[in-house]
Protein backbone atom coordinates (compact mmCIF):
# COMPACT_ATOMS: atom_id res chain seq x y z
CA MET A 1 -69.11 -1.61 -12.71
CA LEU A 2 -70.19 0.51 -15.66
CA SER A 3 -67.27 2.90 -15.13
CA ILE A 4 -64.78 0.01 -15.14
CA PHE A 5 -66.28 -1.30 -18.39
CA ASN A 6 -66.03 2.15 -20.00
CA SER A 7 -62.41 2.57 -18.92
CA LEU A 8 -61.47 -0.86 -20.33
CA SER A 9 -63.20 -0.15 -23.63
CA THR A 10 -61.45 3.23 -23.88
CA LEU A 11 -58.09 1.59 -23.18
CA ARG A 12 -58.71 -1.02 -25.87
CA VAL A 13 -59.68 1.62 -28.43
CA ASN A 14 -56.56 3.64 -27.64
CA GLN A 15 -54.37 0.56 -28.10
CA ILE A 16 -55.95 -0.20 -31.46
CA PHE A 17 -55.72 3.31 -32.89
CA GLN A 18 -52.42 4.21 -31.26
CA PRO A 19 -49.94 5.35 -33.96
CA ARG A 20 -47.06 2.94 -34.24
CA SER A 21 -43.51 3.67 -35.37
CA LEU A 22 -43.48 3.68 -39.16
CA GLY A 23 -40.86 1.71 -41.05
CA PHE A 24 -38.54 3.05 -43.74
CA SER A 25 -40.77 1.93 -46.60
CA GLN A 26 -43.78 3.66 -45.03
CA ILE A 27 -42.04 6.97 -44.36
CA PHE A 28 -40.74 7.47 -47.90
CA ALA A 29 -43.48 7.22 -50.53
CA ARG A 30 -42.50 5.56 -53.80
CA HIS A 31 -44.31 6.72 -56.93
CA ARG A 32 -44.77 4.59 -60.03
CA SER A 33 -42.27 6.56 -62.12
CA GLN A 34 -39.70 6.89 -59.34
CA LEU A 35 -36.55 4.76 -59.35
CA ALA A 36 -36.53 3.47 -55.78
CA PRO A 37 -36.92 0.08 -54.12
CA ARG A 38 -40.32 -0.85 -52.80
CA LYS A 39 -39.04 -2.03 -49.45
CA VAL A 40 -35.68 -2.09 -47.68
CA LYS A 41 -34.61 -3.83 -44.52
CA TRP A 42 -32.29 -1.17 -43.14
CA VAL A 43 -32.76 2.59 -43.21
CA LYS A 44 -29.07 3.42 -43.65
CA ARG A 45 -26.19 1.54 -45.21
CA GLN A 46 -22.42 1.85 -45.35
CA LYS A 47 -20.88 3.72 -48.24
CA GLY A 48 -19.15 0.69 -49.73
CA THR A 49 -16.83 0.60 -52.74
CA ILE A 50 -17.32 0.17 -56.46
CA PRO A 51 -16.87 -3.53 -57.30
CA ILE A 52 -13.86 -4.50 -59.42
CA PRO A 53 -14.36 -7.49 -61.77
CA THR A 54 -11.32 -9.51 -60.68
CA GLY A 55 -12.86 -12.90 -61.42
CA GLY A 56 -13.66 -14.45 -64.78
CA SER A 57 -17.39 -13.67 -64.92
CA THR A 58 -18.71 -11.71 -67.92
CA LYS A 59 -22.30 -11.51 -66.71
CA GLY A 60 -24.03 -8.24 -67.50
CA THR A 61 -21.51 -7.15 -70.16
CA THR A 62 -23.55 -8.11 -73.24
CA LEU A 63 -27.03 -7.26 -74.53
CA ALA A 64 -29.90 -9.33 -73.20
CA PHE A 65 -33.13 -7.57 -74.29
CA GLY A 66 -32.48 -4.93 -76.94
CA GLU A 67 -30.56 -4.56 -80.19
CA TRP A 68 -28.35 -1.60 -79.23
CA GLY A 69 -26.94 -0.39 -75.94
CA ILE A 70 -24.20 1.41 -74.03
CA ARG A 71 -21.83 -0.03 -71.45
CA ILE A 72 -19.13 1.41 -69.24
CA LYS A 73 -15.72 1.58 -70.87
CA GLY A 74 -13.82 3.62 -68.29
CA ASN A 75 -13.67 3.26 -64.54
CA GLY A 76 -16.75 2.25 -62.59
CA ALA A 77 -18.83 4.86 -60.83
CA ARG A 78 -21.83 5.43 -58.60
CA PHE A 79 -25.02 6.48 -60.40
CA SER A 80 -27.83 8.30 -58.64
CA ALA A 81 -31.49 7.66 -59.35
CA LYS A 82 -31.82 11.20 -60.70
CA GLN A 83 -29.12 10.62 -63.31
CA LEU A 84 -30.65 7.35 -64.49
CA SER A 85 -34.17 8.77 -64.70
CA THR A 86 -32.90 11.79 -66.67
CA VAL A 87 -31.14 9.57 -69.20
CA GLU A 88 -34.16 7.29 -69.47
CA GLU A 89 -36.47 10.22 -70.20
CA LEU A 90 -34.07 11.50 -72.87
CA ILE A 91 -33.97 8.14 -74.65
CA LYS A 92 -37.76 7.79 -74.53
CA ARG A 93 -38.17 11.26 -75.99
CA LYS A 94 -35.81 10.47 -78.88
CA LEU A 95 -37.50 7.13 -79.63
CA LYS A 96 -41.07 8.42 -79.31
CA PRO A 97 -41.73 8.54 -83.11
CA ILE A 98 -40.85 4.83 -83.42
CA LYS A 99 -43.85 2.72 -82.54
CA GLY A 100 -43.05 -0.17 -80.21
CA ALA A 101 -39.58 1.04 -79.22
CA LYS A 102 -38.58 0.16 -75.66
CA VAL A 103 -35.87 1.23 -73.23
CA PHE A 104 -34.30 -1.33 -70.90
CA LEU A 105 -32.51 -0.23 -67.73
CA ARG A 106 -30.03 -2.94 -66.73
CA ILE A 107 -29.10 -1.45 -63.33
CA PHE A 108 -31.26 -0.25 -60.45
CA PRO A 109 -30.55 2.24 -57.64
CA ASP A 110 -31.05 0.35 -54.37
CA VAL A 111 -28.31 1.82 -52.16
CA PRO A 112 -29.46 4.62 -49.79
CA VAL A 113 -27.00 7.51 -49.61
CA CYS A 114 -26.93 9.58 -46.43
CA ILE A 115 -25.35 13.03 -46.31
CA LYS A 116 -24.47 15.34 -43.43
CA GLY A 117 -24.63 19.12 -43.65
CA ASN A 118 -21.59 21.27 -44.31
CA GLU A 119 -19.41 22.37 -41.37
CA THR A 120 -20.92 19.72 -39.11
CA ARG A 121 -18.87 18.48 -36.19
CA MET A 122 -17.88 14.85 -36.00
CA GLY A 123 -20.08 12.41 -34.15
CA LYS A 124 -23.80 12.32 -33.41
CA GLY A 125 -24.49 9.44 -35.78
CA LYS A 126 -24.84 9.05 -39.50
CA GLY A 127 -26.40 11.71 -41.73
CA THR A 128 -29.96 11.73 -43.02
CA PHE A 129 -31.19 10.00 -46.16
CA GLU A 130 -30.55 12.02 -49.32
CA PHE A 131 -31.03 9.91 -52.48
CA TRP A 132 -30.84 6.42 -53.97
CA ALA A 133 -27.78 5.24 -55.88
CA THR A 134 -26.13 2.16 -57.35
CA ARG A 135 -22.52 1.08 -57.78
CA VAL A 136 -21.65 -0.06 -61.31
CA PRO A 137 -18.31 -1.69 -62.26
CA THR A 138 -16.36 -1.45 -65.51
CA GLY A 139 -17.86 -3.22 -68.52
CA ARG A 140 -21.45 -3.30 -67.26
CA VAL A 141 -24.31 -2.57 -69.66
CA VAL A 142 -26.35 0.41 -68.47
CA PHE A 143 -29.07 0.99 -71.10
CA GLU A 144 -30.50 -1.03 -73.99
CA ILE A 145 -32.98 -0.05 -76.69
CA GLY A 146 -35.03 -2.37 -78.87
CA GLY A 147 -38.53 -3.77 -79.22
CA ALA A 148 -38.83 -2.38 -82.77
CA PRO A 149 -36.52 -2.00 -85.78
CA ILE A 150 -34.25 0.97 -85.01
CA ARG A 151 -31.68 2.26 -87.51
CA GLU A 152 -28.10 2.19 -86.32
CA GLU A 153 -27.60 5.90 -87.06
CA LEU A 154 -30.55 6.87 -84.87
CA ALA A 155 -29.48 4.46 -82.12
CA ARG A 156 -25.93 5.84 -82.11
CA GLU A 157 -27.10 9.45 -81.92
CA THR A 158 -29.62 8.71 -79.19
CA LEU A 159 -27.22 6.76 -77.02
CA ARG A 160 -24.48 9.35 -77.63
CA GLN A 161 -26.66 12.06 -76.14
CA ALA A 162 -27.59 9.72 -73.29
CA SER A 163 -23.95 8.92 -72.51
CA ASN A 164 -23.13 12.64 -72.29
CA LYS A 165 -25.35 12.85 -69.21
CA LEU A 166 -23.54 10.00 -67.41
CA PRO A 167 -20.40 10.62 -65.31
CA VAL A 168 -18.43 7.81 -67.01
CA LEU A 169 -16.91 6.92 -70.37
CA THR A 170 -19.23 4.59 -72.29
CA GLU A 171 -19.17 2.70 -75.59
CA PHE A 172 -21.85 1.81 -78.14
CA ILE A 173 -22.48 -1.94 -78.47
CA SER A 174 -24.67 -4.24 -80.55
CA ARG A 175 -25.59 -7.91 -80.58
CA GLU A 176 -22.25 -8.74 -82.22
CA SER A 177 -20.15 -6.97 -79.57
CA PRO A 178 -17.97 -9.33 -77.51
CA PRO A 179 -18.28 -9.55 -73.72
CA ARG A 180 -15.96 -7.59 -71.47
CA LEU A 181 -13.82 -8.67 -68.54
CA GLY A 182 -12.89 -5.37 -66.98
CA ASN A 183 -10.97 -3.45 -69.66
CA LEU A 184 -10.40 -6.58 -71.76
CA GLU A 185 -12.70 -7.57 -74.62
CA LEU A 186 -13.08 -11.31 -75.04
CA TYR A 187 -13.30 -12.36 -78.70
CA PRO A 188 -14.37 -16.02 -79.04
CA GLU A 189 -12.30 -16.65 -82.19
CA ILE A 190 -9.12 -15.32 -80.57
CA LEU A 191 -9.70 -17.29 -77.38
CA SER A 192 -10.25 -20.50 -79.36
CA GLN A 193 -6.89 -20.00 -81.09
CA GLN A 194 -4.98 -19.24 -77.90
CA LEU A 195 -6.57 -21.84 -75.62
CA PRO A 196 -6.40 -25.52 -76.70
CA LEU A 197 -9.75 -27.26 -76.83
CA SER A 198 -8.37 -30.60 -75.65
CA VAL A 199 -5.76 -31.20 -72.99
CA PRO A 200 -2.83 -33.20 -74.38
CA ALA A 201 -2.10 -36.51 -72.72
CA SER A 202 0.78 -36.37 -70.31
CA THR A 203 3.80 -38.30 -71.41
CA SER A 204 4.98 -40.82 -68.87
CA THR A 205 8.58 -40.44 -67.79
CA PRO A 206 10.71 -43.57 -67.66
CA PRO A 207 11.63 -44.79 -64.20
CA VAL A 208 15.07 -43.89 -62.94
């Protein structure tokens, strides 16, 4: 009887302390300064395409937090977490003498990119996880700076050096910059002149 009790207790202890299969968020550690999502549902994801703003939405094309910023002027691209963290560190280093200055990152890398080795035969599943990335369309704001009074000359020079480290063509914007719809800038005064504010009443045609 004692041997049966010992075997059952040993089995229960083994079930409790048995190592289980770790999820994706438990395998890859995320540090505080690392640009990576805290938790994802799927380990791997399809490559996808860069979104094209074909609709009429201008969300994300104007400043929301800071006084100066940069947004994509050329074609959209895929940014890696390493590129974004490098640019963020550069901006923080340039704005370090200004007390209270802040850097706002308007995009976040949440797409896992998997890569296979060179000269690998086709098949045998998808490649292994390599880095985090994000797909950014044309006209999207990437970085903003603010939180303290920053001179325009300093902001232009800082964001110019930051844009040189990005693989796209960017433009310097301020609070007065109009929103973008793809490659088209939407000026409110021009739109108000072209589009009538009130719809004219339809004239009734006489019966035949």
